[in-house]
Protein backbone atom coordinates (compact mmCIF):
# COMPACT_ATOMS: atom_id res chain seq x y z
CA ILE A 1 135.38 51.85 106.89
CA ASP A 2 138.99 51.21 107.76
CA ALA A 3 138.90 50.56 111.49
CA ALA A 4 142.65 50.90 111.97
CA VAL A 5 143.10 53.56 114.62
CA GLY A 6 145.17 56.53 113.50
CA GLU A 7 146.50 54.70 110.46
CA GLU A 8 147.85 56.71 107.57
CA GLU A 9 145.85 56.43 104.41
CA ILE A 10 146.95 57.52 100.97
CA LEU A 11 144.38 59.64 99.16
CA ASP A 12 145.13 61.41 95.89
CA GLY A 13 148.85 61.04 96.61
CA PHE A 14 148.68 62.50 100.13
CA LYS A 15 148.94 60.67 103.44
CA LEU A 16 146.06 61.51 105.76
CA ARG A 17 146.43 60.84 109.46
CA LEU A 18 144.38 61.59 112.57
CA PHE A 19 146.27 62.07 115.82
CA PRO A 20 146.54 61.61 118.72
CA ASN A 21 144.47 58.50 119.10
CA PRO A 22 143.29 57.86 121.76
CA VAL A 23 142.63 61.54 122.40
CA GLN A 24 141.64 63.60 125.42
CA GLU A 25 141.19 67.18 124.18
CA LYS A 26 141.98 67.96 120.53
CA ILE A 27 142.16 66.04 117.24
CA THR A 28 144.48 67.08 114.43
CA LEU A 29 144.61 65.83 110.85
CA THR A 30 147.75 65.85 108.74
CA GLY A 31 147.94 65.50 104.98
CA ILE A 32 144.95 67.74 104.26
CA VAL A 33 145.86 69.94 101.29
CA SER A 34 142.90 72.31 101.31
CA GLY A 35 141.01 73.92 104.15
CA ASN A 36 137.43 74.47 105.17
CA LEU A 37 136.35 70.84 104.84
CA PRO A 38 133.04 70.01 106.52
CA TYR A 39 133.24 67.40 109.27
CA MET A 40 130.87 65.59 111.57
CA ILE A 41 131.51 63.50 114.68
CA ILE A 42 129.10 60.69 115.51
CA ASP A 43 129.03 58.46 118.57
CA ALA A 44 128.88 54.67 118.77
CA PHE A 45 125.07 54.82 118.52
CA GLY A 46 125.12 56.85 115.29
CA ALA A 47 124.01 60.13 116.88
CA GLU A 48 125.56 63.32 115.53
CA ILE A 49 127.57 64.94 118.33
CA LEU A 50 129.52 67.73 116.67
CA ARG A 51 129.67 69.46 113.28
CA GLY A 52 131.97 72.09 111.81
CA ASN A 53 134.60 72.91 109.19
CA TYR A 54 138.19 71.71 109.39
CA ASN A 55 140.97 74.09 108.32
CA ILE A 56 144.62 73.23 107.76
CA GLY A 57 146.70 73.67 110.89
CA GLU A 58 143.73 73.77 113.24
CA SER A 59 142.50 71.19 115.72
CA ILE A 60 139.03 69.96 116.57
CA ASN A 61 138.26 70.48 120.26
CA ILE A 62 136.53 67.42 121.68
CA SER A 63 137.28 68.05 125.36
CA GLU A 64 133.56 68.28 126.20
CA LEU A 65 132.76 64.81 124.80
CA ARG A 66 132.34 61.87 127.15
CA GLY A 67 134.85 59.04 126.96
CA GLY A 68 134.04 56.47 124.28
CA TYR A 69 134.27 55.43 120.65
CA TYR A 70 133.51 58.00 117.93
CA LEU A 71 133.77 58.47 114.17
CA LEU A 72 135.09 61.61 112.53
CA ILE A 73 133.67 61.99 109.02
CA ILE A 74 135.41 64.46 106.70
CA LYS A 75 133.71 65.48 103.46
CA LEU A 76 136.26 65.89 100.68
CA GLU A 77 136.24 68.42 97.86
CA THR A 78 136.05 65.50 95.42
CA GLY A 79 132.58 64.72 96.77
CA GLY A 80 133.66 61.66 98.74
CA GLN A 81 134.19 61.32 102.44
CA LYS A 82 136.72 59.73 104.76
CA VAL A 83 135.84 58.13 108.08
CA TYR A 84 138.30 58.06 110.97
CA PRO A 85 137.47 56.10 114.12
CA PHE A 86 138.92 57.44 117.36
CA ILE A 87 138.74 56.84 121.08
CA LYS A 88 137.99 59.75 123.41
CA LEU A 89 139.49 59.35 126.88
CA ASP A 90 137.66 60.64 129.93
CA ASN A 91 138.92 63.93 131.35
CA TYR A 92 140.47 63.52 134.78
């Protein structure tokens, strides 16, 4: 796992990036070339918090999550997966 927060990563010639990080309401990924990729968010204890499918141009709403450290896991069409750590800020 690359623990660099929000760092761009080259995968199959494309730069993937999660932003903003830290985040308060919505996460967006750039560099995804195909849509409907399954994702899962787990907390610092390894518990699954959220699951869905990511589509190009959409955001993942995390506004209901408590502040803390999380991992976003994206399953790729190639069969692999990418893990993006992020920090969720408390809502004020």
